Amino acid sequence: MEAQCEWCGSPYFNVENKKVFWELPDGSRAIEIKDTPTICCTECEMAYQSTEVVKAIEDQLFLINTKVIEKTITYKELMEQPRLLKRNYFDFSDH
């Protein structure tokens, strides 16, 4: 099956690095995450993160000390933050 836009079904899209804003798991604040892999459809012009990228961000924010993160961080820097736990033990979805 050919990859396609999740919104319109078009096979014409690019993956670009964009900035996104994310609320921390404790709800205390939001941060800007620069250079986040983003799917950009050339047909419907929707821009969104894949399920895998969303899960990676959510898991990482749950597993690190978010108090040391500044208002802005790159996706790479976020993913390189040391984890307090090996994995998200509260995630019961299929891996």
C-alpha atoms as a PDB file:
ATOM      1  CA  MET A   1       0.000   0.000   0.000  1.00  0.00           C
ATOM      2  CA  GLU A   2       1.319   3.408  -0.984  1.00  0.00           C
ATOM      3  CA  ALA A   3       1.825   6.044   1.730  1.00  0.00           C
ATOM      4  CA  GLN A   4      -0.800   8.767   1.702  1.00  0.00           C
ATOM      5  CA  CYS A   5      -1.972  11.864   3.536  1.00  0.00           C
ATOM      6  CA  GLU A   6      -4.052  10.876   6.569  1.00  0.00           C
ATOM      7  CA  TRP A   7      -6.425  13.804   5.918  1.00  0.00           C
ATOM      8  CA  CYS A   8      -7.185  13.706   2.189  1.00  0.00           C
ATOM      9  CA  GLY A   9      -5.626  10.435   0.995  1.00  0.00           C
ATOM     10  CA  SER A  10      -3.298  12.106  -1.480  1.00  0.00           C
ATOM     11  CA  PRO A  11       0.002  10.326  -2.165  1.00  0.00           C
ATOM     12  CA  TYR A  12       1.700  13.714  -2.646  1.00  0.00           C
ATOM     13  CA  PHE A  13       3.334  14.946   0.547  1.00  0.00           C
ATOM     14  CA  ASN A  14       6.719  15.880   1.973  1.00  0.00           C
ATOM     15  CA  VAL A  15       8.259  15.439   5.400  1.00  0.00           C
ATOM     16  CA  GLU A  16       9.632  18.751   6.645  1.00  0.00           C
ATOM     17  CA  ASN A  17      11.002  19.963   9.963  1.00  0.00           C
ATOM     18  CA  LYS A  18       8.593  22.432  11.588  1.00  0.00           C
ATOM     19  CA  LYS A  19       8.078  23.955  15.004  1.00  0.00           C
ATOM     20  CA  VAL A  20       5.241  22.659  17.156  1.00  0.00           C
ATOM     21  CA  PHE A  21       3.910  23.551  20.581  1.00  0.00           C
ATOM     22  CA  TRP A  22       3.338  20.825  23.154  1.00  0.00           C
ATOM     23  CA  GLU A  23       1.750  20.831  26.581  1.00  0.00           C
ATOM     24  CA  LEU A  24       3.826  19.099  29.252  1.00  0.00           C
ATOM     25  CA  PRO A  25       2.246  15.986  30.818  1.00  0.00           C
ATOM     26  CA  ASP A  26       1.659  17.766  34.140  1.00  0.00           C
ATOM     27  CA  GLY A  27      -0.178  20.601  32.360  1.00  0.00           C
ATOM     28  CA  SER A  28       2.097  23.225  33.911  1.00  0.00           C
ATOM     29  CA  ARG A  29       3.104  24.870  30.633  1.00  0.00           C
ATOM     30  CA  ALA A  30       3.636  24.399  26.923  1.00  0.00           C
ATOM     31  CA  ILE A  31       6.982  24.264  25.144  1.00  0.00           C
ATOM     32  CA  GLU A  32       8.058  24.979  21.586  1.00  0.00           C
ATOM     33  CA  ILE A  33       9.725  22.009  19.874  1.00  0.00           C
ATOM     34  CA  LYS A  34      11.678  23.127  16.803  1.00  0.00           C
ATOM     35  CA  ASP A  35      12.657  20.940  13.840  1.00  0.00           C
ATOM     36  CA  THR A  36       9.930  18.363  14.508  1.00  0.00           C
ATOM     37  CA  PRO A  37       9.356  15.901  11.632  1.00  0.00           C
ATOM     38  CA  THR A  38       6.076  17.036  10.079  1.00  0.00           C
ATOM     39  CA  ILE A  39       4.082  15.576   7.194  1.00  0.00           C
ATOM     40  CA  CYS A  40       3.068  18.370   4.797  1.00  0.00           C
ATOM     41  CA  CYS A  41       0.493  17.448   2.144  1.00  0.00           C
ATOM     42  CA  THR A  42       0.887  19.251  -1.166  1.00  0.00           C
ATOM     43  CA  GLU A  43      -2.786  18.643  -2.052  1.00  0.00           C
ATOM     44  CA  CYS A  44      -4.800  19.713   1.024  1.00  0.00           C
ATOM     45  CA  GLU A  45      -1.904  21.662   2.638  1.00  0.00           C
ATOM     46  CA  MET A  46      -2.469  19.953   6.013  1.00  0.00           C
ATOM     47  CA  ALA A  47       0.621  19.732   8.238  1.00  0.00           C
ATOM     48  CA  TYR A  48       0.707  17.124  11.006  1.00  0.00           C
ATOM     49  CA  GLN A  49       2.982  14.757  12.907  1.00  0.00           C
ATOM     50  CA  SER A  50       2.883  11.020  12.299  1.00  0.00           C
ATOM     51  CA  THR A  51       1.552   8.724  15.004  1.00  0.00           C
ATOM     52  CA  GLU A  52       5.116   7.541  15.635  1.00  0.00           C
ATOM     53  CA  VAL A  53       6.444  11.079  16.184  1.00  0.00           C
ATOM     54  CA  VAL A  54       3.535  11.966  18.498  1.00  0.00           C
ATOM     55  CA  LYS A  55       4.129   8.817  20.560  1.00  0.00           C
ATOM     56  CA  ALA A  56       7.891   9.484  20.714  1.00  0.00           C
ATOM     57  CA  ILE A  57       7.306  13.045  21.999  1.00  0.00           C
ATOM     58  CA  GLU A  58       4.605  12.004  24.494  1.00  0.00           C
ATOM     59  CA  ASP A  59       6.708   9.128  25.853  1.00  0.00           C
ATOM     60  CA  GLN A  60       9.853  11.232  26.107  1.00  0.00           C
ATOM     61  CA  LEU A  61       8.077  14.061  27.941  1.00  0.00           C
ATOM     62  CA  PHE A  62       6.617  11.526  30.361  1.00  0.00           C
ATOM     63  CA  LEU A  63      10.012   9.904  31.025  1.00  0.00           C
ATOM     64  CA  ILE A  64      12.292  12.918  31.516  1.00  0.00           C
ATOM     65  CA  ASN A  65      12.648  15.710  34.050  1.00  0.00           C
ATOM     66  CA  THR A  66      10.611  18.385  32.244  1.00  0.00           C
ATOM     67  CA  LYS A  67      11.548  21.032  34.820  1.00  0.00           C
ATOM     68  CA  VAL A  68      14.985  21.389  33.164  1.00  0.00           C
ATOM     69  CA  ILE A  69      13.543  22.032  29.686  1.00  0.00           C
ATOM     70  CA  GLU A  70      13.561  25.657  28.547  1.00  0.00           C
ATOM     71  CA  LYS A  71      10.623  27.256  26.686  1.00  0.00           C
ATOM     72  CA  THR A  72      12.162  26.165  23.369  1.00  0.00           C
ATOM     73  CA  ILE A  73      13.995  22.952  22.472  1.00  0.00           C
ATOM     74  CA  THR A  74      14.724  21.098  19.236  1.00  0.00           C
ATOM     75  CA  TYR A  75      13.213  17.687  18.564  1.00  0.00           C
ATOM     76  CA  LYS A  76      16.713  16.166  18.550  1.00  0.00           C
ATOM     77  CA  GLU A  77      17.623  17.802  21.883  1.00  0.00           C
ATOM     78  CA  LEU A  78      14.344  16.602  23.403  1.00  0.00           C
ATOM     79  CA  MET A  79      14.943  13.025  22.282  1.00  0.00           C
ATOM     80  CA  GLU A  80      18.480  13.156  23.702  1.00  0.00           C
ATOM     81  CA  GLN A  81      17.352  14.176  27.208  1.00  0.00           C
ATOM     82  CA  PRO A  82      18.260  11.532  29.825  1.00  0.00           C
ATOM     83  CA  ARG A  83      15.311   9.400  30.890  1.00  0.00           C
ATOM     84  CA  LEU A  84      14.305   8.812  34.489  1.00  0.00           C
ATOM     85  CA  LEU A  85      12.682   5.492  33.495  1.00  0.00           C
ATOM     86  CA  LYS A  86      13.595   3.040  30.721  1.00  0.00           C
ATOM     87  CA  ARG A  87      10.153   3.119  29.172  1.00  0.00           C
ATOM     88  CA  ASN A  88       6.611   4.338  29.729  1.00  0.00           C
ATOM     89  CA  TYR A  89       5.220   1.649  32.034  1.00  0.00           C
ATOM     90  CA  PHE A  90       1.776   3.266  31.889  1.00  0.00           C
ATOM     91  CA  ASP A  91       1.443   2.762  28.120  1.00  0.00           C
ATOM     92  CA  PHE A  92      -0.642  -0.372  27.604  1.00  0.00           C
ATOM     93  CA  SER A  93      -1.096   0.067  23.853  1.00  0.00           C
ATOM     94  CA  ASP A  94       0.503  -2.324  21.399  1.00  0.00           C
ATOM     95  CA  HIS A  95       4.119  -1.419  20.731  1.00  0.00           C
END
